[in-house]
């Protein structure tokens, strides 16, 4: 990944972290890094920055609800609402 994309992903990660922490739902410490990484991947994938996300991330970005639930692991299934709000609010 080129240096510019790495810097952009770091900036996006900060925005995602700020968004997660501003929400009324609390992400437990055990899940926090996973949710932060997936959230960052969703926004980066949406804007074509860095490497594209996996099947779950792509399903969220594509607004494919059935595939989103079908590809979600146990942790991500709990945070689909958070990811959708984040995708809508972070630009």
N, C-alpha and C. Protein backbone atom coordinates (compact mmCIF):
# COMPACT_ATOMS: atom_id res chain seq x y z
N UNK A 1 0.86 -1.17 0.00
CA UNK A 1 0.00 0.00 0.00
C UNK A 1 0.91 1.24 0.00
N UNK A 2 0.58 2.20 -0.79
CA UNK A 2 1.41 3.40 -0.87
C UNK A 2 1.26 4.26 0.37
N UNK A 3 2.26 5.11 0.59
CA UNK A 3 2.31 5.95 1.78
C UNK A 3 1.08 6.84 1.94
N UNK A 4 0.59 7.42 0.86
CA UNK A 4 -0.58 8.29 0.93
C UNK A 4 -1.81 7.52 1.40
N UNK A 5 -1.99 6.29 0.90
CA UNK A 5 -3.13 5.47 1.30
C UNK A 5 -3.03 5.10 2.78
N UNK A 6 -1.82 4.83 3.25
CA UNK A 6 -1.62 4.49 4.67
C UNK A 6 -2.03 5.67 5.55
N UNK A 7 -1.60 6.86 5.16
CA UNK A 7 -1.95 8.07 5.92
C UNK A 7 -3.47 8.31 5.90
N UNK A 8 -4.08 8.11 4.75
CA UNK A 8 -5.54 8.28 4.65
C UNK A 8 -6.26 7.27 5.54
N UNK A 9 -5.78 6.02 5.56
CA UNK A 9 -6.41 5.00 6.41
C UNK A 9 -6.27 5.35 7.88
N UNK A 10 -5.14 5.91 8.27
CA UNK A 10 -4.95 6.33 9.67
C UNK A 10 -5.93 7.44 10.04
N UNK A 11 -6.13 8.38 9.13
CA UNK A 11 -7.10 9.46 9.38
C UNK A 11 -8.51 8.91 9.49
N UNK A 12 -8.83 7.96 8.64
CA UNK A 12 -10.15 7.33 8.68
C UNK A 12 -10.31 6.56 9.98
N UNK A 13 -9.27 5.86 10.39
CA UNK A 13 -9.33 5.11 11.64
C UNK A 13 -9.64 6.04 12.82
N UNK A 14 -9.05 7.22 12.83
CA UNK A 14 -9.33 8.20 13.90
C UNK A 14 -10.80 8.63 13.85
N UNK A 15 -11.33 8.88 12.65
CA UNK A 15 -12.74 9.27 12.53
C UNK A 15 -13.65 8.14 13.00
N UNK A 16 -13.32 6.91 12.64
CA UNK A 16 -14.12 5.76 13.05
C UNK A 16 -14.07 5.62 14.57
N UNK A 17 -12.89 5.75 15.15
CA UNK A 17 -12.74 5.66 16.61
C UNK A 17 -13.59 6.73 17.30
N UNK A 18 -13.51 7.97 16.81
CA UNK A 18 -14.31 9.05 17.38
C UNK A 18 -15.81 8.75 17.25
N UNK A 19 -16.20 8.20 16.10
CA UNK A 19 -17.61 7.88 15.90
C UNK A 19 -18.06 6.79 16.88
N UNK A 20 -17.28 5.73 16.99
CA UNK A 20 -17.64 4.63 17.90
C UNK A 20 -17.79 5.16 19.32
N UNK A 21 -16.87 5.99 19.73
CA UNK A 21 -16.89 6.50 21.11
C UNK A 21 -18.00 7.52 21.35
N UNK A 22 -18.55 8.08 20.27
CA UNK A 22 -19.65 9.05 20.43
C UNK A 22 -21.02 8.39 20.49
N UNK A 23 -21.08 7.09 20.25
CA UNK A 23 -22.36 6.38 20.19
C UNK A 23 -22.80 5.91 21.58
N UNK A 24 -24.13 5.80 21.77
CA UNK A 24 -24.62 5.34 23.07
C UNK A 24 -24.29 3.87 23.35
N UNK A 25 -24.08 3.08 22.30
CA UNK A 25 -23.71 1.69 22.50
C UNK A 25 -22.23 1.62 22.88
N UNK A 26 -21.92 0.81 23.87
CA UNK A 26 -20.54 0.65 24.31
C UNK A 26 -20.00 -0.65 23.73
N UNK A 27 -18.89 -0.54 23.04
CA UNK A 27 -18.23 -1.72 22.48
C UNK A 27 -17.28 -2.25 23.56
N UNK A 28 -17.49 -3.49 24.01
CA UNK A 28 -16.61 -4.04 25.05
C UNK A 28 -15.15 -4.07 24.59
N UNK A 29 -14.26 -3.94 25.54
CA UNK A 29 -12.83 -3.92 25.26
C UNK A 29 -12.40 -5.13 24.42
N UNK A 30 -12.97 -6.28 24.68
CA UNK A 30 -12.59 -7.51 23.98
C UNK A 30 -12.94 -7.44 22.48
N UNK A 31 -13.93 -6.65 22.11
CA UNK A 31 -14.35 -6.52 20.71
C UNK A 31 -13.88 -5.23 20.05
N UNK A 32 -13.37 -4.31 20.84
CA UNK A 32 -13.12 -2.95 20.35
C UNK A 32 -12.20 -2.91 19.12
N UNK A 33 -11.05 -3.56 19.17
CA UNK A 33 -10.12 -3.52 18.04
C UNK A 33 -10.71 -4.14 16.79
N UNK A 34 -11.46 -5.20 16.96
CA UNK A 34 -12.11 -5.85 15.81
C UNK A 34 -13.11 -4.90 15.16
N UNK A 35 -13.95 -4.27 15.97
CA UNK A 35 -14.95 -3.34 15.46
C UNK A 35 -14.28 -2.13 14.82
N UNK A 36 -13.23 -1.62 15.44
CA UNK A 36 -12.49 -0.49 14.89
C UNK A 36 -11.87 -0.85 13.54
N UNK A 37 -11.25 -2.01 13.45
CA UNK A 37 -10.62 -2.45 12.19
C UNK A 37 -11.65 -2.65 11.08
N UNK A 38 -12.77 -3.28 11.41
CA UNK A 38 -13.80 -3.51 10.40
C UNK A 38 -14.42 -2.18 9.99
N UNK A 39 -14.70 -1.30 10.94
CA UNK A 39 -15.25 0.01 10.62
C UNK A 39 -14.33 0.80 9.70
N UNK A 40 -13.04 0.77 9.99
CA UNK A 40 -12.05 1.45 9.15
C UNK A 40 -12.02 0.83 7.76
N UNK A 41 -12.07 -0.48 7.68
CA UNK A 41 -12.08 -1.17 6.39
C UNK A 41 -13.32 -0.81 5.57
N UNK A 42 -14.45 -0.66 6.24
CA UNK A 42 -15.69 -0.29 5.55
C UNK A 42 -15.55 1.08 4.90
N UNK A 43 -15.07 2.06 5.65
CA UNK A 43 -14.93 3.41 5.09
C UNK A 43 -13.85 3.44 4.01
N UNK A 44 -12.72 2.79 4.25
CA UNK A 44 -11.66 2.75 3.23
C UNK A 44 -12.16 2.08 1.95
N UNK A 45 -12.89 1.00 2.09
CA UNK A 45 -13.43 0.30 0.92
C UNK A 45 -14.43 1.19 0.19
N UNK A 46 -15.28 1.88 0.93
CA UNK A 46 -16.27 2.76 0.32
C UNK A 46 -15.60 3.79 -0.59
N UNK A 47 -14.46 4.34 -0.16
CA UNK A 47 -13.80 5.39 -0.91
C UNK A 47 -12.62 4.89 -1.75
N UNK A 48 -12.45 3.56 -1.83
CA UNK A 48 -11.40 3.00 -2.67
C UNK A 48 -9.99 3.31 -2.19
N UNK A 49 -9.81 3.37 -0.89
CA UNK A 49 -8.50 3.67 -0.30
C UNK A 49 -7.87 2.36 0.18
N UNK A 50 -6.66 2.09 -0.26
CA UNK A 50 -5.96 0.89 0.18
C UNK A 50 -6.57 -0.36 -0.41
N UNK A 51 -6.45 -1.44 0.35
CA UNK A 51 -6.95 -2.73 -0.10
C UNK A 51 -8.46 -2.82 0.12
N UNK A 52 -9.19 -3.45 -0.80
CA UNK A 52 -10.63 -3.62 -0.58
C UNK A 52 -10.89 -4.58 0.57
N UNK A 53 -12.00 -4.38 1.25
CA UNK A 53 -12.35 -5.24 2.38
C UNK A 53 -12.82 -6.62 1.92
N UNK A 54 -13.01 -7.49 2.90
CA UNK A 54 -13.48 -8.84 2.62
C UNK A 54 -14.96 -8.88 2.30
N UNK A 55 -15.52 -10.08 2.29
CA UNK A 55 -16.90 -10.27 1.86
C UNK A 55 -17.90 -9.55 2.76
N UNK A 56 -17.67 -9.54 4.07
CA UNK A 56 -18.58 -8.83 4.97
C UNK A 56 -18.52 -7.33 4.71
N UNK A 57 -17.33 -6.80 4.65
CA UNK A 57 -17.14 -5.36 4.42
C UNK A 57 -17.76 -4.97 3.09
N UNK A 58 -17.53 -5.75 2.05
CA UNK A 58 -18.07 -5.42 0.74
C UNK A 58 -19.59 -5.47 0.75
N UNK A 59 -20.16 -6.42 1.47
CA UNK A 59 -21.62 -6.52 1.56
C UNK A 59 -22.21 -5.28 2.25
N UNK A 60 -21.55 -4.79 3.31
CA UNK A 60 -22.01 -3.58 3.99
C UNK A 60 -21.94 -2.39 3.04
N UNK A 61 -20.80 -2.23 2.37
CA UNK A 61 -20.61 -1.11 1.44
C UNK A 61 -21.62 -1.18 0.29
N UNK A 62 -21.91 -2.39 -0.17
CA UNK A 62 -22.86 -2.57 -1.28
C UNK A 62 -24.32 -2.46 -0.85
N UNK A 63 -24.56 -2.27 0.45
CA UNK A 63 -25.91 -2.17 0.99
C UNK A 63 -26.72 -3.44 0.72
N UNK A 64 -26.05 -4.58 0.84
CA UNK A 64 -26.67 -5.89 0.62
C UNK A 64 -26.93 -6.53 1.99
N UNK A 65 -28.13 -6.30 2.52
CA UNK A 65 -28.47 -6.72 3.88
C UNK A 65 -28.35 -8.23 4.07
N UNK A 66 -28.90 -9.00 3.14
CA UNK A 66 -28.86 -10.46 3.30
C UNK A 66 -27.42 -10.98 3.31
N UNK A 67 -26.59 -10.47 2.41
CA UNK A 67 -25.19 -10.90 2.36
C UNK A 67 -24.44 -10.41 3.59
N UNK A 68 -24.78 -9.21 4.07
CA UNK A 68 -24.14 -8.68 5.27
C UNK A 68 -24.35 -9.65 6.44
N UNK A 69 -25.58 -10.06 6.67
CA UNK A 69 -25.84 -11.00 7.76
C UNK A 69 -25.25 -12.37 7.47
N UNK A 70 -25.27 -12.78 6.22
CA UNK A 70 -24.71 -14.09 5.86
C UNK A 70 -23.21 -14.17 6.04
N UNK A 71 -22.51 -13.06 5.86
CA UNK A 71 -21.05 -13.04 5.96
C UNK A 71 -20.55 -12.61 7.34
N UNK A 72 -21.44 -12.13 8.19
CA UNK A 72 -21.02 -11.59 9.49
C UNK A 72 -20.59 -12.70 10.45
N UNK A 73 -19.49 -12.45 11.15
CA UNK A 73 -19.12 -13.35 12.23
C UNK A 73 -19.95 -12.95 13.47
N UNK A 74 -19.78 -13.68 14.56
CA UNK A 74 -20.60 -13.44 15.75
C UNK A 74 -20.43 -12.02 16.30
N UNK A 75 -19.23 -11.48 16.23
CA UNK A 75 -19.00 -10.12 16.73
C UNK A 75 -19.64 -9.10 15.80
N UNK A 76 -19.35 -9.19 14.51
CA UNK A 76 -19.89 -8.20 13.56
C UNK A 76 -21.41 -8.20 13.52
N UNK A 77 -22.03 -9.34 13.73
CA UNK A 77 -23.49 -9.42 13.71
C UNK A 77 -24.09 -8.48 14.77
N UNK A 78 -23.39 -8.31 15.87
CA UNK A 78 -23.86 -7.44 16.96
C UNK A 78 -23.76 -5.96 16.61
N UNK A 79 -22.91 -5.62 15.63
CA UNK A 79 -22.60 -4.21 15.37
C UNK A 79 -23.00 -3.74 13.97
N UNK A 80 -23.85 -4.48 13.28
CA UNK A 80 -24.28 -4.08 11.94
C UNK A 80 -24.95 -2.72 11.98
N UNK A 81 -25.78 -2.48 12.96
CA UNK A 81 -26.43 -1.17 13.11
C UNK A 81 -25.40 -0.06 13.25
N UNK A 82 -24.39 -0.28 14.06
CA UNK A 82 -23.32 0.70 14.26
C UNK A 82 -22.59 0.96 12.94
N UNK A 83 -22.27 -0.10 12.21
CA UNK A 83 -21.56 0.06 10.94
C UNK A 83 -22.40 0.86 9.93
N UNK A 84 -23.68 0.58 9.89
CA UNK A 84 -24.56 1.31 8.96
C UNK A 84 -24.63 2.79 9.32
N UNK A 85 -24.79 3.09 10.59
CA UNK A 85 -24.80 4.49 11.03
C UNK A 85 -23.48 5.17 10.72
N UNK A 86 -22.40 4.46 10.95
CA UNK A 86 -21.07 4.99 10.69
C UNK A 86 -20.89 5.27 9.20
N UNK A 87 -21.29 4.34 8.37
CA UNK A 87 -21.17 4.48 6.92
C UNK A 87 -21.97 5.69 6.43
N UNK A 88 -23.11 5.92 7.03
CA UNK A 88 -23.96 7.05 6.65
C UNK A 88 -23.38 8.38 7.13
N UNK A 89 -22.77 8.38 8.31
CA UNK A 89 -22.35 9.64 8.94
C UNK A 89 -20.91 10.06 8.70
N UNK A 90 -20.04 9.14 8.32
CA UNK A 90 -18.65 9.50 8.06
C UNK A 90 -18.47 9.68 6.56
N UNK A 91 -18.03 10.87 6.18
CA UNK A 91 -17.78 11.10 4.76
C UNK A 91 -16.42 11.72 4.56
